[in-house]
């Protein structure tokens, strides 16, 4: 296996030919790519990169949904129904499959709920009658007689359901709700009460050995300032499970922008799985963003694979390369692949993850 924190893609002549004491990325003339995507396509910072948070910012743990555990108070700002369904659907389904209790506070009919709608009516009736699955309306969970949102009542609902789960012998209780109704609904006090609810949840769930929760909201339905405030009330950012993870290379689907986050080492043994996942995204006929901000190593074969996709027949969606390591970007420019119309340079790599040549 390769040494950590090294991309090992030397420029022509090899890394050892560099002048002694020269910086790893010497100043060079600005090279223009055939196309570039200005700015950042992402709606927030690299949320669990300590160096990318800024003074006073919160620290977050980014966690795949299947890795959630009791004590997790997680946040999901989903960009589309597919992202929501792949996170919340998995959260609900795995809870039911593992003999845990699932509590969903919602006014949405069961046949539209991720992780619930897969059950036929008799099976759904059996789940609810046994109280393994609790579908609780907003009014019953957290509204007063006048329809106002009461954070304290939501906490009482959580405590009651957790106590009942413990008495019934469930190994854990999973809780989820979408805050869109609380932030938008008539007569609601909006963000302040929702943040109060989140603080109460954090105090109750974080020390728990049984309870875990995912609080969700549609990202495009709320201003960025509200999203940041709600996110900061959580310590866990939940996301979809990886498309592939063998401990060396991790491929994670991203939804905004449409693409794939590539983490770890992309070597010859993993070209095939990377190409397969890339082909699946390209088949959707949309530009594909490849986030390389967490890439530690890519070999020349991997870069050549990107070039082959960029020279595919007319009409193939462009590859947007986000967070390229500087040495990899330099190699692409040295061999002239930056002139290919099917490759575009996206956002720059965070300054805290610049990488190094061997």
Protein backbone atom coordinates (compact mmCIF):
# COMPACT_ATOMS: atom_id res chain seq x y z
CA UNK A 1 0.00 0.00 0.00
CA UNK A 2 1.20 3.51 -0.72
CA UNK A 3 2.59 5.85 1.90
CA UNK A 4 -0.04 8.20 3.36
CA UNK A 5 -0.49 11.83 2.26
CA UNK A 6 1.39 11.37 -1.00
CA UNK A 7 -0.11 11.50 -4.47
CA UNK A 8 3.06 10.10 -6.07
CA UNK A 9 2.41 11.46 -9.54
CA UNK A 10 5.81 13.03 -10.29
CA UNK A 11 6.21 15.66 -13.00
CA UNK A 12 8.34 14.87 -16.05
CA UNK A 13 11.85 14.03 -14.91
CA UNK A 14 10.64 12.73 -11.52
CA UNK A 15 10.34 14.36 -8.14
CA UNK A 16 14.01 13.63 -7.35
CA UNK A 17 15.12 15.98 -10.16
CA UNK A 18 13.74 19.02 -8.33
CA UNK A 19 16.24 21.61 -7.21
CA UNK A 20 17.24 21.03 -3.57
CA UNK A 21 15.14 23.18 -1.30
CA UNK A 22 12.65 24.06 -4.04
CA UNK A 23 8.99 24.20 -3.01
CA UNK A 24 6.92 21.14 -4.00
CA UNK A 25 4.72 23.27 -6.26
CA UNK A 26 6.94 25.96 -7.82
CA UNK A 27 5.41 29.09 -9.28
CA UNK A 28 4.43 28.64 -12.91
CA UNK A 29 2.48 30.55 -15.48
CA UNK A 30 -1.28 30.39 -15.11
CA UNK A 31 -2.64 27.64 -17.32
CA UNK A 32 -6.07 27.99 -18.82
CA UNK A 33 -8.34 24.97 -18.91
CA UNK A 34 -10.75 24.36 -21.75
CA UNK A 35 -13.56 25.00 -19.26
CA UNK A 36 -13.81 25.95 -15.62
CA UNK A 37 -16.65 26.07 -13.14
CA UNK A 38 -16.18 29.29 -11.16
CA UNK A 39 -16.68 29.43 -7.44
CA UNK A 40 -17.77 26.55 -5.25
CA UNK A 41 -20.69 24.29 -6.21
CA UNK A 42 -21.12 23.31 -2.58
CA UNK A 43 -23.46 25.04 -0.15
CA UNK A 44 -21.18 24.92 2.89
CA UNK A 45 -17.64 24.30 4.11
CA UNK A 46 -16.01 20.90 4.42
CA UNK A 47 -17.92 20.39 7.59
CA UNK A 48 -15.68 17.96 9.42
CA UNK A 49 -12.41 19.52 8.30
CA UNK A 50 -11.15 21.35 11.41
CA UNK A 51 -8.99 23.68 9.32
CA UNK A 52 -11.89 24.67 7.13
CA UNK A 53 -14.26 25.75 9.87
CA UNK A 54 -13.10 29.23 10.75
CA UNK A 55 -12.86 30.80 14.18
CA UNK A 56 -15.53 29.69 16.60
CA UNK A 57 -17.15 27.24 14.21
CA UNK A 58 -18.57 23.97 15.45
CA UNK A 59 -16.93 20.60 14.88
CA UNK A 60 -18.95 17.93 13.14
CA UNK A 61 -18.60 14.19 12.66
CA UNK A 62 -19.62 13.09 9.19
CA UNK A 63 -21.21 9.65 9.44
CA UNK A 64 -22.80 7.22 6.96
CA UNK A 65 -26.35 6.43 7.98
CA UNK A 66 -25.61 2.75 8.62
CA UNK A 67 -22.87 3.76 11.07
CA UNK A 68 -25.22 5.71 13.34
CA UNK A 69 -25.37 4.58 16.93
CA UNK A 70 -27.18 5.46 20.18
CA UNK A 71 -26.28 8.94 21.35
CA UNK A 72 -26.15 10.37 17.81
CA UNK A 73 -28.18 13.54 17.24
CA UNK A 74 -27.74 13.92 13.50
CA UNK A 75 -28.60 16.54 10.89
CA UNK A 76 -29.66 16.04 7.27
CA UNK A 77 -30.30 18.96 4.92
CA UNK A 78 -31.34 16.99 1.84
CA UNK A 79 -31.14 18.49 -1.64
CA UNK A 80 -33.56 16.09 -3.36
CA UNK A 81 -35.97 13.28 -2.58
CA UNK A 82 -33.43 10.66 -3.68
CA UNK A 83 -30.94 11.85 -1.07
CA UNK A 84 -33.63 11.97 1.61
CA UNK A 85 -34.92 8.51 0.73
CA UNK A 86 -31.46 6.96 0.71
CA UNK A 87 -30.67 8.36 4.16
CA UNK A 88 -34.00 8.31 6.00
CA UNK A 89 -35.17 5.16 4.20
CA UNK A 90 -32.04 3.33 5.35
CA UNK A 91 -32.33 4.75 8.87
CA UNK A 92 -35.92 3.51 9.21
CA UNK A 93 -35.45 0.20 7.41
CA UNK A 94 -32.36 -0.86 9.34
CA UNK A 95 -34.04 0.00 12.62
CA UNK A 96 -37.03 -2.21 11.83
CA UNK A 97 -34.85 -5.01 10.45
CA UNK A 98 -32.60 -4.95 13.54
CA UNK A 99 -35.41 -5.23 16.07
CA UNK A 100 -35.29 -1.58 17.12
CA UNK A 101 -38.18 0.79 17.65
CA UNK A 102 -38.69 3.55 15.05
CA UNK A 103 -40.58 6.77 15.83
CA UNK A 104 -41.48 9.03 12.90
CA UNK A 105 -43.19 12.34 13.73
CA UNK A 106 -44.99 13.34 10.56
CA UNK A 107 -48.31 14.18 8.94
CA UNK A 108 -47.26 12.43 5.72
CA UNK A 109 -49.22 9.26 4.84
CA UNK A 110 -47.32 5.99 5.40
CA UNK A 111 -47.32 5.10 1.71
CA UNK A 112 -45.17 8.19 1.03
CA UNK A 113 -42.64 7.78 3.85
CA UNK A 114 -39.13 6.52 3.02
CA UNK A 115 -38.42 3.18 4.66
CA UNK A 116 -42.12 2.69 5.43
CA UNK A 117 -43.81 2.60 2.06
CA UNK A 118 -42.10 -0.67 1.12
CA UNK A 119 -44.35 -2.52 3.60
CA UNK A 120 -47.67 -3.94 2.45
CA UNK A 121 -50.70 -2.89 4.47
CA UNK A 122 -50.94 -6.07 6.60
CA UNK A 123 -47.23 -5.87 7.48
CA UNK A 124 -47.52 -2.17 8.24
CA UNK A 125 -50.48 -2.85 10.52
CA UNK A 126 -48.47 -5.51 12.37
CA UNK A 127 -45.55 -3.10 12.84
CA UNK A 128 -47.71 -0.30 14.19
CA UNK A 129 -49.90 -2.51 16.41
CA UNK A 130 -46.79 -3.99 18.03
CA UNK A 131 -45.50 -0.39 18.44
CA UNK A 132 -42.24 -1.27 16.73
CA UNK A 133 -43.15 1.50 14.31
CA UNK A 134 -44.73 4.64 15.72
CA UNK A 135 -46.14 7.15 13.24
CA UNK A 136 -47.10 10.14 15.37
CA UNK A 137 -48.80 13.22 13.95
CA UNK A 138 -47.38 16.65 14.62
CA UNK A 139 -50.43 17.55 16.69
CA UNK A 140 -50.06 14.51 18.93
CA UNK A 141 -46.30 14.93 19.26
CA UNK A 142 -45.65 18.61 19.83
CA UNK A 143 -48.55 21.03 19.23
CA UNK A 144 -50.77 22.65 21.82
CA UNK A 145 -54.55 23.04 21.54
CA UNK A 146 -54.10 26.17 19.44
CA UNK A 147 -51.73 24.45 17.01
CA UNK A 148 -48.56 26.09 18.29
CA UNK A 149 -45.28 24.20 18.24
CA UNK A 150 -44.07 23.39 21.77
CA UNK A 151 -40.46 22.12 21.90
CA UNK A 152 -40.98 20.85 25.46
CA UNK A 153 -43.85 18.69 24.32
CA UNK A 154 -41.71 17.19 21.55
CA UNK A 155 -39.11 16.30 24.19
CA UNK A 156 -41.83 14.69 26.32
CA UNK A 157 -42.85 12.59 23.30
CA UNK A 158 -39.26 11.45 22.80
CA UNK A 159 -38.87 10.57 26.48
CA UNK A 160 -42.16 8.69 26.59
CA UNK A 161 -41.36 6.63 23.49
CA UNK A 162 -37.83 5.87 24.71
CA UNK A 163 -39.09 4.74 28.12
CA UNK A 164 -41.68 2.55 26.48
CA UNK A 165 -39.07 1.04 24.15
CA UNK A 166 -36.87 0.19 27.12
CA UNK A 167 -39.79 -1.46 28.92
CA UNK A 168 -40.67 -3.48 25.82
CA UNK A 169 -37.12 -4.78 25.50
CA UNK A 170 -36.12 -2.98 22.31
CA UNK A 171 -32.38 -2.63 21.92
CA UNK A 172 -32.64 0.97 20.66
CA UNK A 173 -35.11 3.62 19.56
CA UNK A 174 -34.73 5.68 16.39
CA UNK A 175 -36.41 9.03 16.06
CA UNK A 176 -36.83 11.23 12.98
CA UNK A 177 -38.88 14.20 11.86
CA UNK A 178 -38.79 16.82 9.10
CA UNK A 179 -38.66 20.35 10.51
CA UNK A 180 -40.09 21.97 7.39
CA UNK A 181 -43.58 22.18 8.86
CA UNK A 182 -42.31 23.80 12.09
CA UNK A 183 -40.33 26.41 10.17
CA UNK A 184 -43.03 27.15 7.59
CA UNK A 185 -46.44 26.43 9.03
CA UNK A 186 -48.92 29.17 9.91
CA UNK A 187 -48.92 30.22 13.53
CA UNK A 188 -45.51 28.68 14.21
CA UNK A 189 -42.77 30.78 15.72
CA UNK A 190 -40.27 29.28 13.31
CA UNK A 191 -36.54 29.09 13.76
CA UNK A 192 -36.29 30.08 17.43
CA UNK A 193 -38.61 27.31 18.64
CA UNK A 194 -37.02 24.77 16.32
CA UNK A 195 -33.56 25.62 17.66
CA UNK A 196 -34.91 25.32 21.19
CA UNK A 197 -36.23 21.87 20.30
CA UNK A 198 -32.85 20.88 18.88
CA UNK A 199 -31.03 21.98 22.03
CA UNK A 200 -33.40 19.94 24.18
CA UNK A 201 -32.91 16.95 21.88
CA UNK A 202 -29.12 17.27 22.03
CA UNK A 203 -29.18 17.32 25.84
CA UNK A 204 -31.42 14.25 25.96
CA UNK A 205 -29.95 12.11 23.18
CA UNK A 206 -26.18 12.69 23.39
CA UNK A 207 -25.75 10.85 26.73
CA UNK A 208 -28.30 8.16 25.83
CA UNK A 209 -27.37 4.51 25.40
CA UNK A 210 -30.63 3.77 23.55
CA UNK A 211 -31.82 6.78 21.52
CA UNK A 212 -30.59 8.20 18.23
CA UNK A 213 -32.22 10.80 15.98
CA UNK A 214 -32.04 12.30 12.49
CA UNK A 215 -33.50 15.79 12.14
CA UNK A 216 -34.17 16.64 8.52
CA UNK A 217 -35.17 19.57 6.33
CA UNK A 218 -35.30 20.28 2.60
CA UNK A 219 -32.21 22.36 1.87
CA UNK A 220 -33.72 24.50 -0.86
CA UNK A 221 -36.72 25.42 1.26
CA UNK A 222 -34.70 27.39 3.84
CA UNK A 223 -32.27 30.36 3.73
CA UNK A 224 -28.61 29.49 4.16
CA UNK A 225 -28.44 31.29 7.51
CA UNK A 226 -31.22 29.13 8.95
CA UNK A 227 -29.58 25.98 7.63
CA UNK A 228 -26.28 26.93 9.26
CA UNK A 229 -27.96 27.64 12.60
CA UNK A 230 -29.83 24.34 12.53
CA UNK A 231 -26.74 22.42 11.46
CA UNK A 232 -24.73 23.94 14.31
CA UNK A 233 -27.21 22.50 16.81
CA UNK A 234 -25.96 18.99 15.91
CA UNK A 235 -22.68 17.15 16.30
CA UNK A 236 -23.29 14.55 13.59
CA UNK A 237 -23.87 15.14 9.89
CA UNK A 238 -25.46 12.02 8.43
CA UNK A 239 -25.04 11.10 4.78
CA UNK A 240 -25.71 8.22 2.40
CA UNK A 241 -23.77 5.01 2.79
CA UNK A 242 -20.72 4.74 0.51
CA UNK A 243 -21.11 3.26 -2.95
CA UNK A 244 -17.85 1.46 -2.28
CA UNK A 245 -15.50 1.23 0.71
CA UNK A 246 -12.72 -1.30 1.12
CA UNK A 247 -10.69 0.62 3.67
CA UNK A 248 -8.37 2.01 1.00
CA UNK A 249 -10.76 3.73 -1.41
CA UNK A 250 -14.15 5.18 -0.48
CA UNK A 251 -16.67 6.39 -3.07
CA UNK A 252 -19.61 8.43 -1.78
CA UNK A 253 -22.52 9.63 -3.90
CA UNK A 254 -23.11 13.38 -3.81
CA UNK A 255 -26.37 15.00 -4.85
CA UNK A 256 -25.60 18.71 -4.90
CA UNK A 257 -23.69 18.78 -7.06
CA UNK A 258 -24.46 15.52 -8.85
CA UNK A 259 -21.40 13.35 -8.60
CA UNK A 260 -19.04 11.31 -6.44
CA UNK A 261 -16.68 12.06 -3.57
CA UNK A 262 -13.43 10.12 -3.90
CA UNK A 263 -11.51 9.49 -0.66
CA UNK A 264 -8.28 7.63 0.05
CA UNK A 265 -6.23 5.95 -2.67
CA UNK A 266 -7.25 5.29 -6.26
CA UNK A 267 -4.76 2.77 -7.58
CA UNK A 268 -4.80 0.18 -10.38
CA UNK A 269 -6.57 -2.42 -8.24
CA UNK A 270 -9.55 -0.07 -7.91
CA UNK A 271 -9.82 1.41 -11.40
CA UNK A 272 -12.62 -0.96 -12.40
CA UNK A 273 -14.93 -0.15 -9.48
CA UNK A 274 -14.32 3.58 -9.93
CA UNK A 275 -15.03 3.37 -13.66
CA UNK A 276 -18.21 1.40 -13.00
CA UNK A 277 -19.60 3.98 -10.55
CA UNK A 278 -18.58 6.79 -12.88
CA UNK A 279 -20.38 5.17 -15.82
CA UNK A 280 -23.56 4.89 -13.74
CA UNK A 281 -23.52 8.64 -13.06
CA UNK A 282 -22.66 9.58 -16.63
CA UNK A 283 -25.63 7.51 -17.83
CA UNK A 284 -27.91 10.06 -16.10
CA UNK A 285 -26.82 12.59 -18.76
CA UNK A 286 -25.80 15.35 -16.36
CA UNK A 287 -22.37 16.90 -15.66
CA UNK A 288 -20.60 14.78 -13.05
CA UNK A 289 -18.67 16.47 -10.23
CA UNK A 290 -15.80 14.42 -8.85
CA UNK A 291 -14.78 15.71 -5.42
CA UNK A 292 -11.09 14.91 -4.93
CA UNK A 293 -10.64 17.08 -1.82
CA UNK A 294 -10.09 13.95 0.33
CA UNK A 295 -7.95 12.07 -2.18
CA UNK A 296 -4.58 10.90 -0.88
CA UNK A 297 -3.26 9.15 -3.98
CA UNK A 298 -4.12 8.60 -7.63
CA UNK A 299 -1.88 6.85 -10.16
CA UNK A 300 -1.37 7.84 -13.78
CA UNK A 301 -3.79 5.11 -14.86
CA UNK A 302 -6.51 6.78 -12.83
CA UNK A 303 -5.82 10.14 -14.46
CA UNK A 304 -5.83 8.45 -17.86
CA UNK A 305 -9.24 6.97 -17.02
CA UNK A 306 -10.58 10.50 -16.54
CA UNK A 307 -9.10 11.53 -19.87
CA UNK A 308 -10.78 8.60 -21.66
CA UNK A 309 -14.15 9.71 -20.32
CA UNK A 310 -13.41 13.27 -21.44
CA UNK A 311 -12.78 12.10 -25.02
CA UNK A 312 -15.95 9.99 -25.22
CA UNK A 313 -18.41 10.63 -28.09
CA UNK A 314 -20.15 13.98 -28.38
CA UNK A 315 -22.97 14.39 -25.91
CA UNK A 316 -21.24 12.67 -22.99
CA UNK A 317 -21.64 14.84 -19.85
CA UNK A 318 -18.58 16.78 -18.73
CA UNK A 319 -16.48 15.76 -15.76
CA UNK A 320 -16.01 18.62 -13.27
CA UNK A 321 -12.93 18.01 -11.14
CA UNK A 322 -13.34 19.58 -7.70
CA UNK A 323 -10.58 19.81 -5.10
CA UNK A 324 -7.78 18.50 -7.31
CA UNK A 325 -4.44 17.99 -5.55
CA UNK A 326 -2.00 20.55 -7.02
CA UNK A 327 0.46 17.89 -8.20
CA UNK A 328 -2.31 15.98 -10.01
CA UNK A 329 -3.54 19.20 -11.61
CA UNK A 330 0.02 19.92 -12.72
CA UNK A 331 0.33 16.53 -14.41
CA UNK A 332 -2.99 17.03 -16.22
CA UNK A 333 -1.73 20.35 -17.54
CA UNK A 334 1.72 19.03 -18.46
CA UNK A 335 0.26 16.33 -20.71
CA UNK A 336 -2.33 18.72 -22.14
CA UNK A 337 -5.47 16.97 -20.89
CA UNK A 338 -6.77 20.25 -19.45
CA UNK A 339 -7.55 21.26 -23.05
CA UNK A 340 -10.06 18.44 -23.44
CA UNK A 341 -13.59 19.87 -23.69
CA UNK A 342 -14.99 17.03 -21.55
CA UNK A 343 -13.00 18.04 -18.45
CA UNK A 344 -13.65 21.17 -16.42
CA UNK A 345 -11.85 22.44 -13.35
CA UNK A 346 -14.21 23.07 -10.44
CA UNK A 347 -13.58 24.38 -6.96
CA UNK A 348 -10.06 24.58 -5.61
CA UNK A 349 -8.66 22.17 -3.06
CA UNK A 350 -8.85 23.37 0.59
CA UNK A 351 -5.57 24.92 1.70
CA UNK A 352 -5.29 22.40 4.56
CA UNK A 353 -5.12 19.42 2.15
CA UNK A 354 -2.56 20.40 -0.49
CA UNK A 355 -0.74 17.09 -0.67
CA UNK A 356 2.92 16.54 -1.65
CA UNK A 357 4.98 14.97 -4.36
CA UNK A 358 7.31 12.12 -3.54
